[in-house]
Amino acid sequence: MDGRQLLSNYIEREKGNGANQAKLARASKCSEGHLSLFLKGKRELSISLANRISAATAGAVPVSALIPEKMAAAKTLIEAAE
């Protein structure tokens, strides 16, 4: 399951606890529009925003799921430097 689907599922699952897309956006310090565009596949996340979203979901949606290409590139750079 990709990060968009994980995040969408998280929002849906947490609705019973009063969570919604707007609250997650505020907790992640981003606009609701940015989050919506990401969920629709029309916008990518920065590493910083992916970290904030992961923290706002208490790790339920990991950074590695939200930005897998960036994480893979970082891993490759780290391995090359070793």
PDB file of N, CA and C in Angstrom:
ATOM      1  N   MET A   1       0.851  -1.175   0.000  1.00  0.00           N
ATOM      2  CA  MET A   1       0.000   0.000   0.000  1.00  0.00           C
ATOM      3  C   MET A   1       0.902   1.246   0.000  1.00  0.00           C
ATOM      4  N   ASP A   2       0.579   2.206  -0.831  1.00  0.00           N
ATOM      5  CA  ASP A   2       1.422   3.397  -0.907  1.00  0.00           C
ATOM      6  C   ASP A   2       1.050   4.406   0.183  1.00  0.00           C
ATOM      7  N   GLY A   3       1.892   5.430   0.304  1.00  0.00           N
ATOM      8  CA  GLY A   3       1.709   6.422   1.355  1.00  0.00           C
ATOM      9  C   GLY A   3       0.415   7.188   1.262  1.00  0.00           C
ATOM     10  N   ARG A   4      -0.012   7.485   0.042  1.00  0.00           N
ATOM     11  CA  ARG A   4      -1.280   8.209  -0.117  1.00  0.00           C
ATOM     12  C   ARG A   4      -2.441   7.381   0.435  1.00  0.00           C
ATOM     13  N   GLN A   5      -2.444   6.113   0.095  1.00  0.00           N
ATOM     14  CA  GLN A   5      -3.518   5.246   0.571  1.00  0.00           C
ATOM     15  C   GLN A   5      -3.440   5.057   2.088  1.00  0.00           C
ATOM     16  N   LEU A   6      -2.227   4.893   2.616  1.00  0.00           N
ATOM     17  CA  LEU A   6      -2.069   4.773   4.071  1.00  0.00           C
ATOM     18  C   LEU A   6      -2.604   6.012   4.785  1.00  0.00           C
ATOM     19  N   LEU A   7      -2.258   7.184   4.250  1.00  0.00           N
ATOM     20  CA  LEU A   7      -2.703   8.429   4.871  1.00  0.00           C
ATOM     21  C   LEU A   7      -4.215   8.586   4.754  1.00  0.00           C
ATOM     22  N   SER A   8      -4.754   8.270   3.601  1.00  0.00           N
ATOM     23  CA  SER A   8      -6.198   8.342   3.407  1.00  0.00           C
ATOM     24  C   SER A   8      -6.917   7.393   4.371  1.00  0.00           C
ATOM     25  N   ASN A   9      -6.408   6.186   4.506  1.00  0.00           N
ATOM     26  CA  ASN A   9      -6.992   5.216   5.438  1.00  0.00           C
ATOM     27  C   ASN A   9      -6.900   5.710   6.880  1.00  0.00           C
ATOM     28  N   TYR A  10      -5.766   6.323   7.234  1.00  0.00           N
ATOM     29  CA  TYR A  10      -5.589   6.858   8.577  1.00  0.00           C
ATOM     30  C   TYR A  10      -6.655   7.921   8.865  1.00  0.00           C
ATOM     31  N   ILE A  11      -6.827   8.848   7.937  1.00  0.00           N
ATOM     32  CA  ILE A  11      -7.820   9.917   8.124  1.00  0.00           C
ATOM     33  C   ILE A  11      -9.215   9.318   8.285  1.00  0.00           C
ATOM     34  N   GLU A  12      -9.544   8.371   7.447  1.00  0.00           N
ATOM     35  CA  GLU A  12     -10.867   7.725   7.516  1.00  0.00           C
ATOM     36  C   GLU A  12     -11.047   6.992   8.849  1.00  0.00           C
ATOM     37  N   ARG A  13     -10.032   6.261   9.265  1.00  0.00           N
ATOM     38  CA  ARG A  13     -10.090   5.480  10.507  1.00  0.00           C
ATOM     39  C   ARG A  13     -10.203   6.388  11.731  1.00  0.00           C
ATOM     40  N   GLU A  14      -9.553   7.540  11.699  1.00  0.00           N
ATOM     41  CA  GLU A  14      -9.525   8.431  12.855  1.00  0.00           C
ATOM     42  C   GLU A  14     -10.706   9.396  12.922  1.00  0.00           C
ATOM     43  N   LYS A  15     -11.585   9.365  11.938  1.00  0.00           N
ATOM     44  CA  LYS A  15     -12.742  10.268  11.951  1.00  0.00           C
ATOM     45  C   LYS A  15     -13.590  10.083  13.201  1.00  0.00           C
ATOM     46  N   GLY A  16     -13.673   8.868  13.696  1.00  0.00           N
ATOM     47  CA  GLY A  16     -14.432   8.597  14.915  1.00  0.00           C
ATOM     48  C   GLY A  16     -13.828   9.273  16.131  1.00  0.00           C
ATOM     49  N   ASN A  17     -12.552   9.608  16.064  1.00  0.00           N
ATOM     50  CA  ASN A  17     -11.872  10.295  17.164  1.00  0.00           C
ATOM     51  C   ASN A  17     -11.820  11.800  16.934  1.00  0.00           C
ATOM     52  N   GLY A  18     -12.596  12.283  15.995  1.00  0.00           N
ATOM     53  CA  GLY A  18     -12.652  13.707  15.721  1.00  0.00           C
ATOM     54  C   GLY A  18     -11.595  14.203  14.749  1.00  0.00           C
ATOM     55  N   ALA A  19     -10.805  13.310  14.196  1.00  0.00           N
ATOM     56  CA  ALA A  19      -9.769  13.708  13.247  1.00  0.00           C
ATOM     57  C   ALA A  19     -10.380  13.898  11.864  1.00  0.00           C
ATOM     58  N   ASN A  20      -9.787  14.790  11.101  1.00  0.00           N
ATOM     59  CA  ASN A  20     -10.168  14.950   9.710  1.00  0.00           C
ATOM     60  C   ASN A  20      -8.986  15.568   8.966  1.00  0.00           C
ATOM     61  N   GLN A  21      -9.148  15.747   7.695  1.00  0.00           N
ATOM     62  CA  GLN A  21      -8.060  16.249   6.856  1.00  0.00           C
ATOM     63  C   GLN A  21      -7.604  17.633   7.318  1.00  0.00           C
ATOM     64  N   ALA A  22      -8.529  18.492   7.683  1.00  0.00           N
ATOM     65  CA  ALA A  22      -8.184  19.851   8.118  1.00  0.00           C
ATOM     66  C   ALA A  22      -7.352  19.813   9.402  1.00  0.00           C
ATOM     67  N   LYS A  23      -7.747  18.983  10.349  1.00  0.00           N
ATOM     68  CA  LYS A  23      -6.999  18.888  11.606  1.00  0.00           C
ATOM     69  C   LYS A  23      -5.614  18.308  11.385  1.00  0.00           C
ATOM     70  N   LEU A  24      -5.518  17.322  10.507  1.00  0.00           N
ATOM     71  CA  LEU A  24      -4.211  16.744  10.203  1.00  0.00           C
ATOM     72  C   LEU A  24      -3.324  17.781   9.524  1.00  0.00           C
ATOM     73  N   ALA A  25      -3.890  18.563   8.637  1.00  0.00           N
ATOM     74  CA  ALA A  25      -3.118  19.622   7.972  1.00  0.00           C
ATOM     75  C   ALA A  25      -2.597  20.620   9.000  1.00  0.00           C
ATOM     76  N   ARG A  26      -3.455  21.036   9.920  1.00  0.00           N
ATOM     77  CA  ARG A  26      -3.014  21.979  10.959  1.00  0.00           C
ATOM     78  C   ARG A  26      -1.919  21.369  11.822  1.00  0.00           C
ATOM     79  N   ALA A  27      -2.104  20.114  12.232  1.00  0.00           N
ATOM     80  CA  ALA A  27      -1.108  19.447  13.073  1.00  0.00           C
ATOM     81  C   ALA A  27       0.214  19.271  12.342  1.00  0.00           C
ATOM     82  N   SER A  28       0.151  19.176  11.023  1.00  0.00           N
ATOM     83  CA  SER A  28       1.354  18.998  10.200  1.00  0.00           C
ATOM     84  C   SER A  28       1.932  20.324   9.718  1.00  0.00           C
ATOM     85  N   LYS A  29       1.259  21.409  10.071  1.00  0.00           N
ATOM     86  CA  LYS A  29       1.687  22.760   9.675  1.00  0.00           C
ATOM     87  C   LYS A  29       1.769  22.916   8.159  1.00  0.00           C
ATOM     88  N   CYS A  30       0.695  22.474   7.497  1.00  0.00           N
ATOM     89  CA  CYS A  30       0.592  22.675   6.055  1.00  0.00           C
ATOM     90  C   CYS A  30      -0.853  23.065   5.742  1.00  0.00           C
ATOM     91  N   SER A  31      -1.074  23.506   4.537  1.00  0.00           N
ATOM     92  CA  SER A  31      -2.439  23.879   4.169  1.00  0.00           C
ATOM     93  C   SER A  31      -3.253  22.621   3.870  1.00  0.00           C
ATOM     94  N   GLU A  32      -4.541  22.741   4.065  1.00  0.00           N
ATOM     95  CA  GLU A  32      -5.428  21.631   3.730  1.00  0.00           C
ATOM     96  C   GLU A  32      -5.377  21.354   2.229  1.00  0.00           C
ATOM     97  N   GLY A  33      -5.229  22.416   1.434  1.00  0.00           N
ATOM     98  CA  GLY A  33      -5.131  22.261  -0.018  1.00  0.00           C
ATOM     99  C   GLY A  33      -3.916  21.455  -0.431  1.00  0.00           C
ATOM    100  N   HIS A  34      -2.779  21.710   0.206  1.00  0.00           N
ATOM    101  CA  HIS A  34      -1.555  20.964  -0.101  1.00  0.00           C
ATOM    102  C   HIS A  34      -1.756  19.483   0.216  1.00  0.00           C
ATOM    103  N   LEU A  35      -2.330  19.214   1.389  1.00  0.00           N
ATOM    104  CA  LEU A  35      -2.579  17.828   1.783  1.00  0.00           C
ATOM    105  C   LEU A  35      -3.554  17.159   0.820  1.00  0.00           C
ATOM    106  N   SER A  36      -4.587  17.883   0.426  1.00  0.00           N
ATOM    107  CA  SER A  36      -5.564  17.350  -0.513  1.00  0.00           C
ATOM    108  C   SER A  36      -4.917  17.017  -1.859  1.00  0.00           C
ATOM    109  N   LEU A  37      -4.078  17.924  -2.350  1.00  0.00           N
ATOM    110  CA  LEU A  37      -3.399  17.676  -3.628  1.00  0.00           C
ATOM    111  C   LEU A  37      -2.477  16.465  -3.536  1.00  0.00           C
ATOM    112  N   PHE A  38      -1.811  16.293  -2.404  1.00  0.00           N
ATOM    113  CA  PHE A  38      -0.971  15.108  -2.221  1.00  0.00           C
ATOM    114  C   PHE A  38      -1.826  13.846  -2.269  1.00  0.00           C
ATOM    115  N   LEU A  39      -2.938  13.856  -1.554  1.00  0.00           N
ATOM    116  CA  LEU A  39      -3.805  12.674  -1.517  1.00  0.00           C
ATOM    117  C   LEU A  39      -4.370  12.330  -2.889  1.00  0.00           C
ATOM    118  N   LYS A  40      -4.537  13.337  -3.739  1.00  0.00           N
ATOM    119  CA  LYS A  40      -5.037  13.119  -5.103  1.00  0.00           C
ATOM    120  C   LYS A  40      -3.922  12.769  -6.084  1.00  0.00           C
ATOM    121  N   GLY A  41      -2.673  12.751  -5.603  1.00  0.00           N
ATOM    122  CA  GLY A  41      -1.556  12.415  -6.479  1.00  0.00           C
ATOM    123  C   GLY A  41      -1.091  13.556  -7.355  1.00  0.00           C
ATOM    124  N   LYS A  42      -1.470  14.772  -6.999  1.00  0.00           N
ATOM    125  CA  LYS A  42      -1.118  15.928  -7.821  1.00  0.00           C
ATOM    126  C   LYS A  42       0.017  16.758  -7.239  1.00  0.00           C
ATOM    127  N   ARG A  43       0.509  16.352  -6.100  1.00  0.00           N
ATOM    128  CA  ARG A  43       1.589  17.091  -5.457  1.00  0.00           C
ATOM    129  C   ARG A  43       2.416  16.120  -4.628  1.00  0.00           C
ATOM    130  N   GLU A  44       3.707  16.375  -4.571  1.00  0.00           N
ATOM    131  CA  GLU A  44       4.602  15.566  -3.754  1.00  0.00           C
ATOM    132  C   GLU A  44       4.863  16.277  -2.428  1.00  0.00           C
ATOM    133  N   LEU A  45       5.415  15.560  -1.490  1.00  0.00           N
ATOM    134  CA  LEU A  45       5.741  16.119  -0.183  1.00  0.00           C
ATOM    135  C   LEU A  45       7.235  16.364  -0.066  1.00  0.00           C
ATOM    136  N   SER A  46       7.578  17.379   0.676  1.00  0.00           N
ATOM    137  CA  SER A  46       8.984  17.586   1.033  1.00  0.00           C
ATOM    138  C   SER A  46       9.324  16.600   2.151  1.00  0.00           C
ATOM    139  N   ILE A  47      10.592  16.413   2.372  1.00  0.00           N
ATOM    140  CA  ILE A  47      11.020  15.531   3.463  1.00  0.00           C
ATOM    141  C   ILE A  47      10.527  16.091   4.796  1.00  0.00           C
ATOM    142  N   SER A  48      10.633  17.393   4.953  1.00  0.00           N
ATOM    143  CA  SER A  48      10.203  18.047   6.187  1.00  0.00           C
ATOM    144  C   SER A  48       8.710  17.831   6.446  1.00  0.00           C
ATOM    145  N   LEU A  49       7.889  18.030   5.419  1.00  0.00           N
ATOM    146  CA  LEU A  49       6.448  17.847   5.590  1.00  0.00           C
ATOM    147  C   LEU A  49       6.107  16.381   5.834  1.00  0.00           C
ATOM    148  N   ALA A  50       6.779  15.487   5.162  1.00  0.00           N
ATOM    149  CA  ALA A  50       6.539  14.055   5.403  1.00  0.00           C
ATOM    150  C   ALA A  50       6.853  13.702   6.856  1.00  0.00           C
ATOM    151  N   ASN A  51       7.914  14.284   7.402  1.00  0.00           N
ATOM    152  CA  ASN A  51       8.254  14.060   8.812  1.00  0.00           C
ATOM    153  C   ASN A  51       7.167  14.597   9.733  1.00  0.00           C
ATOM    154  N   ARG A  52       6.648  15.782   9.420  1.00  0.00           N
ATOM    155  CA  ARG A  52       5.597  16.375  10.259  1.00  0.00           C
ATOM    156  C   ARG A  52       4.300  15.566  10.185  1.00  0.00           C
ATOM    157  N   ILE A  53       3.961  15.068   9.007  1.00  0.00           N
ATOM    158  CA  ILE A  53       2.751  14.241   8.870  1.00  0.00           C
ATOM    159  C   ILE A  53       2.920  12.941   9.642  1.00  0.00           C
ATOM    160  N   SER A  54       4.075  12.328   9.507  1.00  0.00           N
ATOM    161  CA  SER A  54       4.329  11.090  10.240  1.00  0.00           C
ATOM    162  C   SER A  54       4.224  11.321  11.747  1.00  0.00           C
ATOM    163  N   ALA A  55       4.783  12.432  12.216  1.00  0.00           N
ATOM    164  CA  ALA A  55       4.697  12.753  13.646  1.00  0.00           C
ATOM    165  C   ALA A  55       3.250  13.014  14.060  1.00  0.00           C
ATOM    166  N   ALA A  56       2.498  13.708  13.223  1.00  0.00           N
ATOM    167  CA  ALA A  56       1.094  14.014  13.538  1.00  0.00           C
ATOM    168  C   ALA A  56       0.231  12.758  13.583  1.00  0.00           C
ATOM    169  N   THR A  57       0.649  11.721  12.885  1.00  0.00           N
ATOM    170  CA  THR A  57      -0.090  10.447  12.904  1.00  0.00           C
ATOM    171  C   THR A  57       0.522   9.472  13.910  1.00  0.00           C
ATOM    172  N   ALA A  58       1.428   9.974  14.741  1.00  0.00           N
ATOM    173  CA  ALA A  58       2.118   9.152  15.748  1.00  0.00           C
ATOM    174  C   ALA A  58       2.802   7.946  15.105  1.00  0.00           C
ATOM    175  N   GLY A  59       3.321   8.152  13.904  1.00  0.00           N
ATOM    176  CA  GLY A  59       4.047   7.092  13.214  1.00  0.00           C
ATOM    177  C   GLY A  59       3.185   6.090  12.475  1.00  0.00           C
ATOM    178  N   ALA A  60       1.875   6.269  12.528  1.00  0.00           N
ATOM    179  CA  ALA A  60       0.987   5.328  11.832  1.00  0.00           C
ATOM    180  C   ALA A  60       1.200   5.382  10.321  1.00  0.00           C
ATOM    181  N   VAL A  61       1.637   6.540   9.841  1.00  0.00           N
ATOM    182  CA  VAL A  61       1.962   6.712   8.420  1.00  0.00           C
ATOM    183  C   VAL A  61       3.445   7.092   8.373  1.00  0.00           C
ATOM    184  N   PRO A  62       4.329   6.128   8.104  1.00  0.00           N
ATOM    185  CA  PRO A  62       5.767   6.402   8.154  1.00  0.00           C
ATOM    186  C   PRO A  62       6.264   7.257   6.994  1.00  0.00           C
ATOM    187  N   VAL A  63       7.323   7.998   7.274  1.00  0.00           N
ATOM    188  CA  VAL A  63       7.947   8.843   6.257  1.00  0.00           C
ATOM    189  C   VAL A  63       8.303   8.016   5.032  1.00  0.00           C
ATOM    190  N   SER A  64       8.826   6.829   5.249  1.00  0.00           N
ATOM    191  CA  SER A  64       9.254   5.975   4.131  1.00  0.00           C
ATOM    192  C   SER A  64       8.103   5.615   3.198  1.00  0.00           C
ATOM    193  N   ALA A  65       6.878   5.607   3.707  1.00  0.00           N
ATOM    194  CA  ALA A  65       5.712   5.332   2.851  1.00  0.00           C
ATOM    195  C   ALA A  65       5.274   6.587   2.111  1.00  0.00           C
ATOM    196  N   LEU A  66       5.445   7.749   2.731  1.00  0.00           N
ATOM    197  CA  LEU A  66       5.003   9.003   2.129  1.00  0.00           C
ATOM    198  C   LEU A  66       5.915   9.474   0.999  1.00  0.00           C
ATOM    199  N   ILE A  67       7.218   9.239   1.149  1.00  0.00           N
ATOM    200  CA  ILE A  67       8.178   9.709   0.140  1.00  0.00           C
ATOM    201  C   ILE A  67       9.203   8.612  -0.167  1.00  0.00           C
ATOM    202  N   PRO A  68       8.761   7.478  -0.686  1.00  0.00           N
ATOM    203  CA  PRO A  68       9.669   6.344  -0.883  1.00  0.00           C
ATOM    204  C   PRO A  68      10.831   6.645  -1.827  1.00  0.00           C
ATOM    205  N   GLU A  69      10.591   7.433  -2.878  1.00  0.00           N
ATOM    206  CA  GLU A  69      11.675   7.718  -3.825  1.00  0.00           C
ATOM    207  C   GLU A  69      12.772   8.538  -3.165  1.00  0.00           C
ATOM    208  N   LYS A  70      12.381   9.535  -2.380  1.00  0.00           N
ATOM    209  CA  LYS A  70      13.364  10.369  -1.693  1.00  0.00           C
ATOM    210  C   LYS A  70      14.121   9.564  -0.642  1.00  0.00           C
ATOM    211  N   MET A  71      13.439   8.681   0.025  1.00  0.00           N
ATOM    212  CA  MET A  71      14.089   7.837   1.036  1.00  0.00           C
ATOM    213  C   MET A  71      15.082   6.886   0.376  1.00  0.00           C
ATOM    214  N   ALA A  72      14.705   6.324  -0.773  1.00  0.00           N
ATOM    215  CA  ALA A  72      15.606   5.416  -1.492  1.00  0.00           C
ATOM    216  C   ALA A  72      16.840   6.167  -1.982  1.00  0.00           C
ATOM    217  N   ALA A  73      16.640   7.388  -2.467  1.00  0.00           N
ATOM    218  CA  ALA A  73      17.772   8.192  -2.941  1.00  0.00           C
ATOM    219  C   ALA A  73      18.705   8.530  -1.783  1.00  0.00           C
ATOM    220  N   ALA A  74      18.137   8.868  -0.645  1.00  0.00           N
ATOM    221  CA  ALA A  74      18.955   9.179   0.532  1.00  0.00           C
ATOM    222  C   ALA A  74      19.748   7.953   0.969  1.00  0.00           C
ATOM    223  N   LYS A  75      19.110   6.805   0.949  1.00  0.00           N
ATOM    224  CA  LYS A  75      19.789   5.573   1.341  1.00  0.00           C
ATOM    225  C   LYS A  75      20.958   5.292   0.391  1.00  0.00           C
ATOM    226  N   THR A  76      20.734   5.487  -0.899  1.00  0.00           N
ATOM    227  CA  THR A  76      21.791   5.266  -1.887  1.00  0.00           C
ATOM    228  C   THR A  76      22.963   6.205  -1.631  1.00  0.00           C
ATOM    229  N   LEU A  77      22.673   7.460  -1.337  1.00  0.00           N
ATOM    230  CA  LEU A  77      23.741   8.434  -1.042  1.00  0.00           C
ATOM    231  C   LEU A  77      24.519   8.048   0.206  1.00  0.00           C
ATOM    232  N   ILE A  78      23.822   7.607   1.220  1.00  0.00           N
ATOM    233  CA  ILE A  78      24.483   7.199   2.470  1.00  0.00           C
ATOM    234  C   ILE A  78      25.362   5.994   2.228  1.00  0.00           C
ATOM    235  N   GLU A  79      24.844   5.010   1.498  1.00  0.00           N
ATOM    236  CA  GLU A  79      25.625   3.815   1.206  1.00  0.00           C
ATOM    237  C   GLU A  79      26.857   4.141   0.366  1.00  0.00           C
ATOM    238  N   ALA A  80      26.713   5.071  -0.556  1.00  0.00           N
ATOM    239  CA  ALA A  80      27.845   5.452  -1.411  1.00  0.00           C
ATOM    240  C   ALA A  80      28.933   6.175  -0.614  1.00  0.00           C
ATOM    241  N   ALA A  81      28.521   6.864   0.442  1.00  0.00           N
ATOM    242  CA  ALA A  81      29.484   7.607   1.259  1.00  0.00           C
ATOM    243  C   ALA A  81      30.223   6.718   2.245  1.00  0.00           C
ATOM    244  N   GLU A  82      29.712   5.533   2.480  1.00  0.00           N
ATOM    245  CA  GLU A  82      30.347   4.631   3.460  1.00  0.00           C
ATOM    246  C   GLU A  82      31.567   3.948   2.906  1.00  0.00           C
TER     247      GLU A  82
END
